[in-house]
PDB file of N, CA and C in Angstrom:
ATOM      1  N   MET A   1      96.630 105.765 186.614  1.00  0.00           N
ATOM      2  CA  MET A   1      98.158 105.952 186.703  1.00  0.00           C
ATOM      3  C   MET A   1      98.775 104.615 186.225  1.00  0.00           C
ATOM      4  N   LYS A   2      99.772 104.928 185.228  1.00  0.00           N
ATOM      5  CA  LYS A   2     100.547 103.744 184.743  1.00  0.00           C
ATOM      6  C   LYS A   2     101.755 103.724 185.416  1.00  0.00           C
ATOM      7  N   LEU A   3     102.264 102.369 185.701  1.00  0.00           N
ATOM      8  CA  LEU A   3     103.704 102.122 186.508  1.00  0.00           C
ATOM      9  C   LEU A   3     104.627 101.464 185.717  1.00  0.00           C
ATOM     10  N   TYR A   4     105.766 102.301 185.504  1.00  0.00           N
ATOM     11  CA  TYR A   4     107.011 101.506 184.729  1.00  0.00           C
ATOM     12  C   TYR A   4     108.201 101.421 185.502  1.00  0.00           C
ATOM     13  N   PHE A   5     109.137 100.489 185.237  1.00  0.00           N
ATOM     14  CA  PHE A   5     110.188 100.260 186.002  1.00  0.00           C
ATOM     15  C   PHE A   5     111.328 100.647 184.879  1.00  0.00           C
ATOM     16  N   LEU A   6     112.263 101.466 185.029  1.00  0.00           N
ATOM     17  CA  LEU A   6     113.513 101.752 184.523  1.00  0.00           C
ATOM     18  C   LEU A   6     114.668 101.084 184.963  1.00  0.00           C
ATOM     19  N   LEU A   7     115.204 100.042 184.355  1.00  0.00           N
ATOM     20  CA  LEU A   7     116.485  99.364 184.817  1.00  0.00           C
ATOM     21  C   LEU A   7     117.705  99.856 184.158  1.00  0.00           C
ATOM     22  N   ILE A   8     118.419 100.458 185.015  1.00  0.00           N
ATOM     23  CA  ILE A   8     119.815 100.835 184.320  1.00  0.00           C
ATOM     24  C   ILE A   8     121.105  99.867 184.919  1.00  0.00           C
ATOM     25  N   LEU A   9     121.805  99.331 183.909  1.00  0.00           N
ATOM     26  CA  LEU A   9     122.897  98.536 184.341  1.00  0.00           C
ATOM     27  C   LEU A   9     124.106  99.289 183.648  1.00  0.00           C
ATOM     28  N   PHE A  10     125.003  99.411 184.771  1.00  0.00           N
ATOM     29  CA  PHE A  10     126.417 100.187 184.502  1.00  0.00           C
ATOM     30  C   PHE A  10     127.311  99.132 184.441  1.00  0.00           C
ATOM     31  N   THR A  11     128.156  98.946 183.210  1.00  0.00           N
ATOM     32  CA  THR A  11     129.187  98.067 183.283  1.00  0.00           C
ATOM     33  C   THR A  11     130.317  98.945 183.158  1.00  0.00           C
ATOM     34  N   GLN A  12     131.472  98.595 182.998  1.00  0.00           N
ATOM     35  CA  GLN A  12     132.767  99.268 182.845  1.00  0.00           C
ATOM     36  C   GLN A  12     132.918 100.172 181.631  1.00  0.00           C
ATOM     37  N   ASN A  13     132.342  99.585 180.522  1.00  0.00           N
ATOM     38  CA  ASN A  13     132.587 100.548 179.129  1.00  0.00           C
ATOM     39  C   ASN A  13     131.142 100.906 178.690  1.00  0.00           C
ATOM     40  N   ASN A  14     130.102 100.318 179.320  1.00  0.00           N
ATOM     41  CA  ASN A  14     128.728 100.769 178.786  1.00  0.00           C
ATOM     42  C   ASN A  14     127.726 100.952 179.691  1.00  0.00           C
ATOM     43  N   ILE A  15     126.533 101.418 179.113  1.00  0.00           N
ATOM     44  CA  ILE A  15     125.353 101.716 180.193  1.00  0.00           C
ATOM     45  C   ILE A  15     124.155 101.171 179.287  1.00  0.00           C
ATOM     46  N   PHE A  16     123.340 100.187 180.055  1.00  0.00           N
ATOM     47  CA  PHE A  16     122.048  99.611 179.503  1.00  0.00           C
ATOM     48  C   PHE A  16     121.017 100.072 179.940  1.00  0.00           C
ATOM     49  N   ILE A  17     119.808 100.407 179.254  1.00  0.00           N
ATOM     50  CA  ILE A  17     118.510 100.823 179.724  1.00  0.00           C
ATOM     51  C   ILE A  17     117.632 100.014 179.409  1.00  0.00           C
ATOM     52  N   THR A  18     116.670  99.456 180.293  1.00  0.00           N
ATOM     53  CA  THR A  18     115.568  98.597 179.990  1.00  0.00           C
ATOM     54  C   THR A  18     114.245  99.225 180.593  1.00  0.00           C
ATOM     55  N   LEU A  19     113.331  99.543 179.891  1.00  0.00           N
ATOM     56  CA  LEU A  19     112.161 100.029 180.409  1.00  0.00           C
ATOM     57  C   LEU A  19     111.000  98.944 180.435  1.00  0.00           C
ATOM     58  N   THR A  20     110.541  98.699 181.635  1.00  0.00           N
ATOM     59  CA  THR A  20     109.263  97.620 181.499  1.00  0.00           C
ATOM     60  C   THR A  20     108.264  98.010 182.249  1.00  0.00           C
ATOM     61  N   ASN A  21     107.075  97.333 181.979  1.00  0.00           N
ATOM     62  CA  ASN A  21     105.844  97.685 182.599  1.00  0.00           C
ATOM     63  C   ASN A  21     105.789  96.958 183.940  1.00  0.00           C
ATOM     64  N   PHE A  22     104.793  96.867 184.827  1.00  0.00           N
ATOM     65  CA  PHE A  22     104.645  96.228 185.925  1.00  0.00           C
ATOM     66  C   PHE A  22     104.634  94.625 185.762  1.00  0.00           C
ATOM     67  N   LYS A  23     104.309  94.330 184.627  1.00  0.00           N
ATOM     68  CA  LYS A  23     104.325  92.857 184.415  1.00  0.00           C
ATOM     69  C   LYS A  23     105.598  92.366 183.817  1.00  0.00           C
ATOM     70  N   GLY A  24     106.574  92.911 183.719  1.00  0.00           N
ATOM     71  CA  GLY A  24     107.965  92.685 183.329  1.00  0.00           C
ATOM     72  C   GLY A  24     108.103  92.467 181.595  1.00  0.00           C
ATOM     73  N   GLU A  25     107.118  93.096 180.982  1.00  0.00           N
ATOM     74  CA  GLU A  25     107.185  93.092 179.346  1.00  0.00           C
ATOM     75  C   GLU A  25     108.182  94.144 179.123  1.00  0.00           C
ATOM     76  N   VAL A  26     108.862  93.936 178.299  1.00  0.00           N
ATOM     77  CA  VAL A  26     109.949  95.002 177.723  1.00  0.00           C
ATOM     78  C   VAL A  26     109.587  95.924 176.778  1.00  0.00           C
ATOM     79  N   ILE A  27     109.707  97.240 177.069  1.00  0.00           N
ATOM     80  CA  ILE A  27     109.116  98.191 176.114  1.00  0.00           C
ATOM     81  C   ILE A  27     110.210  98.756 175.486  1.00  0.00           C
ATOM     82  N   ILE A  28     111.448  99.294 176.222  1.00  0.00           N
ATOM     83  CA  ILE A  28     112.389  99.777 175.485  1.00  0.00           C
ATOM     84  C   ILE A  28     113.701  99.037 176.053  1.00  0.00           C
ATOM     85  N   TRP A  29     114.749  98.600 175.045  1.00  0.00           N
ATOM     86  CA  TRP A  29     115.824  98.127 175.553  1.00  0.00           C
ATOM     87  C   TRP A  29     117.042  98.735 174.807  1.00  0.00           C
ATOM     88  N   LYS A  30     117.916  99.695 175.319  1.00  0.00           N
ATOM     89  CA  LYS A  30     118.870 100.368 174.592  1.00  0.00           C
ATOM     90  C   LYS A  30     120.116 100.177 175.212  1.00  0.00           C
ATOM     91  N   SER A  31     121.331 100.412 174.565  1.00  0.00           N
ATOM     92  CA  SER A  31     122.610 100.660 175.144  1.00  0.00           C
ATOM     93  C   SER A  31     123.388 101.845 174.633  1.00  0.00           C
ATOM     94  N   LEU A  32     124.221 102.282 175.371  1.00  0.00           N
ATOM     95  CA  LEU A  32     124.981 103.653 174.837  1.00  0.00           C
ATOM     96  C   LEU A  32     125.959 103.231 173.853  1.00  0.00           C
ATOM     97  N   GLY A  33     126.107 101.994 173.613  1.00  0.00           N
ATOM     98  CA  GLY A  33     127.155 101.603 172.513  1.00  0.00           C
ATOM     99  C   GLY A  33     126.693 101.776 171.084  1.00  0.00           C
ATOM    100  N   GLU A  34     125.241 101.829 170.904  1.00  0.00           N
ATOM    101  CA  GLU A  34     124.447 102.002 169.581  1.00  0.00           C
ATOM    102  C   GLU A  34     124.746 103.479 169.380  1.00  0.00           C
ATOM    103  N   LEU A  35     124.864 104.256 170.145  1.00  0.00           N
ATOM    104  CA  LEU A  35     125.130 105.954 169.883  1.00  0.00           C
ATOM    105  C   LEU A  35     126.579 106.114 169.450  1.00  0.00           C
ATOM    106  N   LYS A  36     127.512 105.321 169.671  1.00  0.00           N
ATOM    107  CA  LYS A  36     128.851 105.731 169.655  1.00  0.00           C
ATOM    108  C   LYS A  36     129.346 105.665 168.263  1.00  0.00           C
ATOM    109  N   ILE A  37     130.277 106.914 167.944  1.00  0.00           N
ATOM    110  CA  ILE A  37     130.792 106.923 166.614  1.00  0.00           C
ATOM    111  C   ILE A  37     132.139 106.378 166.728  1.00  0.00           C
ATOM    112  N   LYS A  38     132.727 105.710 165.952  1.00  0.00           N
ATOM    113  CA  LYS A  38     134.039 105.050 165.909  1.00  0.00           C
ATOM    114  C   LYS A  38     135.149 105.967 165.924  1.00  0.00           C
ATOM    115  N   GLY A  39     135.880 105.698 167.130  1.00  0.00           N
ATOM    116  CA  GLY A  39     137.137 106.475 167.412  1.00  0.00           C
ATOM    117  C   GLY A  39     136.983 107.370 168.403  1.00  0.00           C
ATOM    118  N   LEU A  40     135.692 107.707 168.994  1.00  0.00           N
ATOM    119  CA  LEU A  40     135.339 108.776 170.172  1.00  0.00           C
ATOM    120  C   LEU A  40     134.872 107.969 171.422  1.00  0.00           C
ATOM    121  N   ARG A  41     135.141 108.537 172.349  1.00  0.00           N
ATOM    122  CA  ARG A  41     134.983 107.950 173.706  1.00  0.00           C
ATOM    123  C   ARG A  41     133.259 107.935 174.061  1.00  0.00           C
ATOM    124  N   LYS A  42     132.940 106.753 174.610  1.00  0.00           N
ATOM    125  CA  LYS A  42     131.516 106.519 174.865  1.00  0.00           C
ATOM    126  C   LYS A  42     130.967 107.361 176.103  1.00  0.00           C
ATOM    127  N   LEU A  43     131.717 107.482 177.077  1.00  0.00           N
ATOM    128  CA  LEU A  43     131.150 107.863 178.280  1.00  0.00           C
ATOM    129  C   LEU A  43     131.610 109.594 178.592  1.00  0.00           C
ATOM    130  N   THR A  44     131.238 110.382 177.660  1.00  0.00           N
ATOM    131  CA  THR A  44     131.263 111.733 177.690  1.00  0.00           C
ATOM    132  C   THR A  44     129.832 112.387 178.030  1.00  0.00           C
ATOM    133  N   ASN A  45     129.817 113.558 178.464  1.00  0.00           N
ATOM    134  CA  ASN A  45     128.557 114.091 179.020  1.00  0.00           C
ATOM    135  C   ASN A  45     127.701 114.359 178.004  1.00  0.00           C
ATOM    136  N   SER A  46     128.234 114.663 176.589  1.00  0.00           N
ATOM    137  CA  SER A  46     127.438 114.997 175.479  1.00  0.00           C
ATOM    138  C   SER A  46     126.659 113.627 175.049  1.00  0.00           C
ATOM    139  N   PHE A  47     127.292 112.594 175.281  1.00  0.00           N
ATOM    140  CA  PHE A  47     126.922 111.475 174.733  1.00  0.00           C
ATOM    141  C   PHE A  47     125.677 110.957 175.648  1.00  0.00           C
ATOM    142  N   LEU A  48     125.839 111.163 176.857  1.00  0.00           N
ATOM    143  CA  LEU A  48     125.082 110.774 178.122  1.00  0.00           C
ATOM    144  C   LEU A  48     123.633 111.382 177.791  1.00  0.00           C
ATOM    145  N   LYS A  49     123.838 112.732 177.631  1.00  0.00           N
ATOM    146  CA  LYS A  49     122.576 113.576 177.379  1.00  0.00           C
ATOM    147  C   LYS A  49     121.832 113.343 176.206  1.00  0.00           C
ATOM    148  N   THR A  50     122.533 113.211 175.116  1.00  0.00           N
ATOM    149  CA  THR A  50     121.718 112.848 173.759  1.00  0.00           C
ATOM    150  C   THR A  50     121.056 111.374 173.957  1.00  0.00           C
ATOM    151  N   PHE A  51     121.866 110.541 174.680  1.00  0.00           N
ATOM    152  CA  PHE A  51     121.201 109.073 174.844  1.00  0.00           C
ATOM    153  C   PHE A  51     120.114 109.057 175.602  1.00  0.00           C
ATOM    154  N   LEU A  52     119.950 109.833 176.823  1.00  0.00           N
ATOM    155  CA  LEU A  52     118.664 110.068 177.581  1.00  0.00           C
ATOM    156  C   LEU A  52     117.619 110.690 176.828  1.00  0.00           C
ATOM    157  N   TYR A  53     118.034 111.789 176.121  1.00  0.00           N
ATOM    158  CA  TYR A  53     116.807 112.731 175.482  1.00  0.00           C
ATOM    159  C   TYR A  53     116.309 111.864 174.362  1.00  0.00           C
ATOM    160  N   SER A  54     117.375 111.341 173.438  1.00  0.00           N
ATOM    161  CA  SER A  54     116.658 110.619 172.160  1.00  0.00           C
ATOM    162  C   SER A  54     115.729 109.289 172.683  1.00  0.00           C
ATOM    163  N   ASN A  55     116.202 108.469 173.931  1.00  0.00           N
ATOM    164  CA  ASN A  55     115.588 107.251 174.117  1.00  0.00           C
ATOM    165  C   ASN A  55     114.249 107.651 175.012  1.00  0.00           C
ATOM    166  N   LEU A  56     114.406 108.515 175.776  1.00  0.00           N
ATOM    167  CA  LEU A  56     113.335 108.681 176.964  1.00  0.00           C
ATOM    168  C   LEU A  56     112.437 109.832 176.805  1.00  0.00           C
ATOM    169  N   ASN A  57     112.686 110.553 175.543  1.00  0.00           N
ATOM    170  CA  ASN A  57     111.767 111.595 175.310  1.00  0.00           C
ATOM    171  C   ASN A  57     110.248 111.237 175.139  1.00  0.00           C
ATOM    172  N   SER A  58     109.973 110.144 174.575  1.00  0.00           N
ATOM    173  CA  SER A  58     108.676 109.716 174.442  1.00  0.00           C
ATOM    174  C   SER A  58     107.851 109.655 175.781  1.00  0.00           C
ATOM    175  N   LEU A  59     108.469 109.328 176.841  1.00  0.00           N
ATOM    176  CA  LEU A  59     107.922 109.219 178.223  1.00  0.00           C
ATOM    177  C   LEU A  59     107.262 110.516 178.720  1.00  0.00           C
ATOM    178  N   LYS A  60     108.098 111.699 178.309  1.00  0.00           N
ATOM    179  CA  LYS A  60     107.804 112.899 178.772  1.00  0.00           C
ATOM    180  C   LYS A  60     106.396 113.517 178.368  1.00  0.00           C
ATOM    181  N   ILE A  61     105.834 112.961 177.076  1.00  0.00           N
ATOM    182  CA  ILE A  61     104.354 113.100 176.743  1.00  0.00           C
ATOM    183  C   ILE A  61     103.444 112.846 177.688  1.00  0.00           C
ATOM    184  N   HIS A  62     103.429 111.655 178.219  1.00  0.00           N
ATOM    185  CA  HIS A  62     102.502 111.071 179.139  1.00  0.00           C
ATOM    186  C   HIS A  62     102.362 111.627 180.379  1.00  0.00           C
ATOM    187  N   LYS A  63     101.203 112.196 180.613  1.00  0.00           N
ATOM    188  CA  LYS A  63     100.997 112.785 181.950  1.00  0.00           C
ATOM    189  C   LYS A  63     100.646 111.872 183.154  1.00  0.00           C
ATOM    190  N   ASN A  64      99.919 110.965 183.074  1.00  0.00           N
ATOM    191  CA  ASN A  64      99.610 109.846 184.028  1.00  0.00           C
ATOM    192  C   ASN A  64     100.577 108.637 184.263  1.00  0.00           C
ATOM    193  N   LEU A  65     101.773 109.076 184.419  1.00  0.00           N
ATOM    194  CA  LEU A  65     102.921 107.904 184.355  1.00  0.00           C
ATOM    195  C   LEU A  65     103.772 108.069 185.527  1.00  0.00           C
ATOM    196  N   LYS A  66     104.197 107.084 186.161  1.00  0.00           N
ATOM    197  CA  LYS A  66     105.213 106.968 187.191  1.00  0.00           C
ATOM    198  C   LYS A  66     106.142 106.174 187.005  1.00  0.00           C
ATOM    199  N   ILE A  67     107.458 106.512 187.282  1.00  0.00           N
ATOM    200  CA  ILE A  67     108.538 105.417 187.075  1.00  0.00           C
ATOM    201  C   ILE A  67     109.455 105.029 188.165  1.00  0.00           C
ATOM    202  N   HIS A  68     109.601 103.976 188.404  1.00  0.00           N
ATOM    203  CA  HIS A  68     110.562 103.411 189.498  1.00  0.00           C
ATOM    204  C   HIS A  68     112.074 103.075 188.869  1.00  0.00           C
ATOM    205  N   VAL A  69     112.997 103.931 189.311  1.00  0.00           N
ATOM    206  CA  VAL A  69     114.267 103.926 188.725  1.00  0.00           C
ATOM    207  C   VAL A  69     115.161 102.811 189.701  1.00  0.00           C
ATOM    208  N   LYS A  70     115.744 101.790 188.946  1.00  0.00           N
ATOM    209  CA  LYS A  70     116.689 100.953 189.693  1.00  0.00           C
ATOM    210  C   LYS A  70     118.042 100.892 189.071  1.00  0.00           C
ATOM    211  N   LEU A  71     119.110 101.150 189.922  1.00  0.00           N
ATOM    212  CA  LEU A  71     120.440 101.236 189.259  1.00  0.00           C
ATOM    213  C   LEU A  71     121.198  99.994 189.808  1.00  0.00           C
ATOM    214  N   LYS A  72     122.133  99.558 188.921  1.00  0.00           N
ATOM    215  CA  LYS A  72     122.897  98.525 189.281  1.00  0.00           C
ATOM    216  C   LYS A  72     124.302  98.439 188.560  1.00  0.00           C
ATOM    217  N   GLY A  73     125.336  98.148 189.259  1.00  0.00           N
ATOM    218  CA  GLY A  73     126.658  98.094 188.722  1.00  0.00           C
ATOM    219  C   GLY A  73     127.329  99.387 189.023  1.00  0.00           C
ATOM    220  N   HIS A  74     128.674  99.506 188.580  1.00  0.00           N
ATOM    221  CA  HIS A  74     129.586 100.509 189.113  1.00  0.00           C
ATOM    222  C   HIS A  74     130.033 101.120 187.674  1.00  0.00           C
ATOM    223  N   ASN A  75     130.365 102.450 187.544  1.00  0.00           N
ATOM    224  CA  ASN A  75     131.018 102.924 186.354  1.00  0.00           C
ATOM    225  C   ASN A  75     131.641 104.274 186.784  1.00  0.00           C
ATOM    226  N   LYS A  76     132.291 104.761 185.991  1.00  0.00           N
ATOM    227  CA  LYS A  76     133.083 106.224 186.505  1.00  0.00           C
ATOM    228  C   LYS A  76     132.080 107.247 186.081  1.00  0.00           C
ATOM    229  N   SER A  77     130.965 107.276 185.280  1.00  0.00           N
ATOM    230  CA  SER A  77     130.209 108.206 185.168  1.00  0.00           C
ATOM    231  C   SER A  77     128.620 107.842 185.587  1.00  0.00           C
ATOM    232  N   LYS A  78     128.495 107.082 186.528  1.00  0.00           N
ATOM    233  CA  LYS A  78     127.352 106.682 187.140  1.00  0.00           C
ATOM    234  C   LYS A  78     126.803 107.912 187.714  1.00  0.00           C
ATOM    235  N   LYS A  79     127.447 108.815 188.486  1.00  0.00           N
ATOM    236  CA  LYS A  79     126.980 109.852 189.217  1.00  0.00           C
ATOM    237  C   LYS A  79     126.346 111.017 188.177  1.00  0.00           C
ATOM    238  N   VAL A  80     127.046 111.280 187.335  1.00  0.00           N
ATOM    239  CA  VAL A  80     126.794 112.252 186.253  1.00  0.00           C
ATOM    240  C   VAL A  80     125.495 111.733 185.508  1.00  0.00           C
ATOM    241  N   PHE A  81     125.355 110.273 185.080  1.00  0.00           N
ATOM    242  CA  PHE A  81     124.332 109.889 184.438  1.00  0.00           C
ATOM    243  C   PHE A  81     123.084 110.012 185.206  1.00  0.00           C
ATOM    244  N   THR A  82     123.168 109.474 186.567  1.00  0.00           N
ATOM    245  CA  THR A  82     121.941 109.818 187.311  1.00  0.00           C
ATOM    246  C   THR A  82     121.383 111.077 187.627  1.00  0.00           C
ATOM    247  N   ARG A  83     122.341 111.925 187.673  1.00  0.00           N
ATOM    248  CA  ARG A  83     121.946 113.461 187.950  1.00  0.00           C
ATOM    249  C   ARG A  83     121.262 113.911 186.453  1.00  0.00           C
ATOM    250  N   PHE A  84     121.661 113.560 185.504  1.00  0.00           N
ATOM    251  CA  PHE A  84     121.021 113.940 184.149  1.00  0.00           C
ATOM    252  C   PHE A  84     119.705 113.233 184.248  1.00  0.00           C
ATOM    253  N   LEU A  85     119.627 111.871 184.266  1.00  0.00           N
ATOM    254  CA  LEU A  85     118.307 111.304 184.393  1.00  0.00           C
ATOM    255  C   LEU A  85     117.220 111.737 185.302  1.00  0.00           C
ATOM    256  N   LEU A  86     117.454 112.217 186.587  1.00  0.00           N
ATOM    257  CA  LEU A  86     116.715 112.712 187.535  1.00  0.00           C
ATOM    258  C   LEU A  86     116.240 114.119 186.922  1.00  0.00           C
ATOM    259  N   LEU A  87     117.133 114.784 186.314  1.00  0.00           N
ATOM    260  CA  LEU A  87     116.768 116.326 185.932  1.00  0.00           C
ATOM    261  C   LEU A  87     115.699 116.122 184.819  1.00  0.00           C
ATOM    262  N   PHE A  88     116.013 114.951 183.915  1.00  0.00           N
ATOM    263  CA  PHE A  88     115.347 115.082 182.675  1.00  0.00           C
ATOM    264  C   PHE A  88     113.841 114.400 183.189  1.00  0.00           C
ATOM    265  N   LEU A  89     113.704 113.303 184.059  1.00  0.00           N
ATOM    266  CA  LEU A  89     112.549 112.619 184.547  1.00  0.00           C
ATOM    267  C   LEU A  89     112.170 113.098 185.841  1.00  0.00           C
ATOM    268  N   GLN A  90     112.386 114.278 186.424  1.00  0.00           N
ATOM    269  CA  GLN A  90     112.104 114.735 187.824  1.00  0.00           C
ATOM    270  C   GLN A  90     110.537 114.460 188.049  1.00  0.00           C
ATOM    271  N   GLU A  91     109.648 114.882 187.166  1.00  0.00           N
ATOM    272  CA  GLU A  91     108.251 114.969 187.621  1.00  0.00           C
ATOM    273  C   GLU A  91     107.412 113.510 187.432  1.00  0.00           C
ATOM    274  N   LEU A  92     108.400 112.582 186.646  1.00  0.00           N
ATOM    275  CA  LEU A  92     107.826 111.222 186.623  1.00  0.00           C
ATOM    276  C   LEU A  92     108.345 110.150 187.421  1.00  0.00           C
ATOM    277  N   THR A  93     109.645 110.542 188.010  1.00  0.00           N
ATOM    278  CA  THR A  93     110.164 109.586 188.937  1.00  0.00           C
ATOM    279  C   THR A  93     109.464 109.222 190.212  1.00  0.00           C
ATOM    280  N   PHE A  94     109.008 108.369 190.633  1.00  0.00           N
ATOM    281  CA  PHE A  94     108.511 107.855 191.850  1.00  0.00           C
ATOM    282  C   PHE A  94     109.388 107.442 192.915  1.00  0.00           C
ATOM    283  N   SER A  95     110.375 106.609 192.447  1.00  0.00           N
ATOM    284  CA  SER A  95     111.472 106.192 193.449  1.00  0.00           C
ATOM    285  C   SER A  95     112.915 105.819 192.634  1.00  0.00           C
ATOM    286  N   LEU A  96     113.886 105.938 193.509  1.00  0.00           N
ATOM    287  CA  LEU A  96     114.955 105.525 193.205  1.00  0.00           C
ATOM    288  C   LEU A  96     115.728 104.529 193.862  1.00  0.00           C
ATOM    289  N   ILE A  97     116.276 103.318 193.327  1.00  0.00           N
ATOM    290  CA  ILE A  97     117.082 102.277 193.993  1.00  0.00           C
ATOM    291  C   ILE A  97     118.091 101.981 193.487  1.00  0.00           C
ATOM    292  N   ASP A  98     119.116 101.879 194.391  1.00  0.00           N
ATOM    293  CA  ASP A  98     120.574 101.337 193.859  1.00  0.00           C
ATOM    294  C   ASP A  98     120.962 100.043 194.243  1.00  0.00           C
ATOM    295  N   ASN A  99     120.909  99.099 193.501  1.00  0.00           N
ATOM    296  CA  ASN A  99     121.031  97.671 193.835  1.00  0.00           C
ATOM    297  C   ASN A  99     122.558  97.167 193.514  1.00  0.00           C
ATOM    298  N   SER A 100     123.405  98.086 193.681  1.00  0.00           N
ATOM    299  CA  SER A 100     124.952  97.701 193.439  1.00  0.00           C
ATOM    300  C   SER A 100     125.524  97.191 194.862  1.00  0.00           C
ATOM    301  N   ASN A 101     126.184  96.038 194.513  1.00  0.00           N
ATOM    302  CA  ASN A 101     126.645  95.363 195.748  1.00  0.00           C
ATOM    303  C   ASN A 101     127.893  95.801 195.863  1.00  0.00           C
ATOM    304  N   GLU A 102     128.316  96.247 197.041  1.00  0.00           N
ATOM    305  CA  GLU A 102     129.607  96.700 197.593  1.00  0.00           C
ATOM    306  C   GLU A 102     130.702  95.281 197.924  1.00  0.00           C
ATOM    307  N   SER A 103     131.631  95.276 197.565  1.00  0.00           N
ATOM    308  CA  SER A 103     132.698  94.053 197.735  1.00  0.00           C
ATOM    309  C   SER A 103     132.827  94.032 199.333  1.00  0.00           C
ATOM    310  N   MET A 104     132.773  92.929 199.937  1.00  0.00           N
ATOM    311  CA  MET A 104     133.092  92.801 201.226  1.00  0.00           C
ATOM    312  C   MET A 104     134.138  91.938 201.372  1.00  0.00           C
ATOM    313  N   ASN A 105     135.448  92.389 200.818  1.00  0.00           N
ATOM    314  CA  ASN A 105     136.545  91.476 200.999  1.00  0.00           C
ATOM    315  C   ASN A 105     137.244  91.782 202.177  1.00  0.00           C
ATOM    316  N   GLY A 106     137.308  90.716 203.108  1.00  0.00           N
ATOM    317  CA  GLY A 106     138.045  90.744 204.149  1.00  0.00           C
ATOM    318  C   GLY A 106     139.518  90.592 204.378  1.00  0.00           C
ATOM    319  N   CYS A 107     139.953  90.456 205.451  1.00  0.00           N
ATOM    320  CA  CYS A 107     141.431  90.386 205.510  1.00  0.00           C
ATOM    321  C   CYS A 107     141.913  88.897 204.858  1.00  0.00           C
ATOM    322  N   LYS A 108     143.074  89.082 204.139  1.00  0.00           N
ATOM    323  CA  LYS A 108     143.293  87.817 203.488  1.00  0.00           C
ATOM    324  C   LYS A 108     144.586  87.169 204.194  1.00  0.00           C
ATOM    325  N   ILE A 109     144.445  85.817 204.417  1.00  0.00           N
ATOM    326  CA  ILE A 109     145.555  85.276 205.186  1.00  0.00           C
ATOM    327  C   ILE A 109     146.701  85.232 204.422  1.00  0.00           C
ATOM    328  N   LYS A 110     147.986  85.475 204.951  1.00  0.00           N
ATOM    329  CA  LYS A 110     149.164  85.578 203.936  1.00  0.00           C
ATOM    330  C   LYS A 110     149.474  84.105 203.664  1.00  0.00           C
ATOM    331  N   LYS A 111     150.065  84.101 202.417  1.00  0.00           N
ATOM    332  CA  LYS A 111     150.557  82.474 202.098  1.00  0.00           C
ATOM    333  C   LYS A 111     151.974  82.167 202.735  1.00  0.00           C
ATOM    334  N   ASN A 112     152.078  81.070 202.872  1.00  0.00           N
ATOM    335  CA  ASN A 112     153.333  80.708 203.370  1.00  0.00           C
ATOM    336  C   ASN A 112     154.404  80.641 202.283  1.00  0.00           C
ATOM    337  N   ARG A 113     155.554  81.327 202.518  1.00  0.00           N
ATOM    338  CA  ARG A 113     156.493  81.244 201.848  1.00  0.00           C
ATOM    339  C   ARG A 113     157.288  80.061 201.600  1.00  0.00           C
ATOM    340  N   ARG A 114     157.255  79.675 200.320  1.00  0.00           N
ATOM    341  CA  ARG A 114     158.369  78.308 199.864  1.00  0.00           C
ATOM    342  C   ARG A 114     159.729  78.771 199.503  1.00  0.00           C
ATOM    343  N   LEU A 115     160.566  78.024 200.029  1.00  0.00           N
ATOM    344  CA  LEU A 115     161.927  78.231 199.495  1.00  0.00           C
ATOM    345  C   LEU A 115     162.297  77.073 198.720  1.00  0.00           C
TER     346      LEU A 115
END
């Protein structure tokens, strides 16, 4: 059985995918911005589906393969993208980890007003 890690980084305007083996050697590195046509929005459902299918279709051929998926960052289309990803790779996915850090901003002390 071969083991791969799929690292997905969500930024405000883009999504990056990195596929590595267990040694950390990069096999695939892609961004959603490569697929974008000038003047159109990047984060639409059709762009997300074609991005996944075009870049990860070669993984569906292998039978003896398991993938650990690691998510990082926040994006407005993160939930839709992970749903498409899990539907597309459902028999290959071994685990799913979300490493997004939630901000822990506490109460801020009011500034003294200057006159």
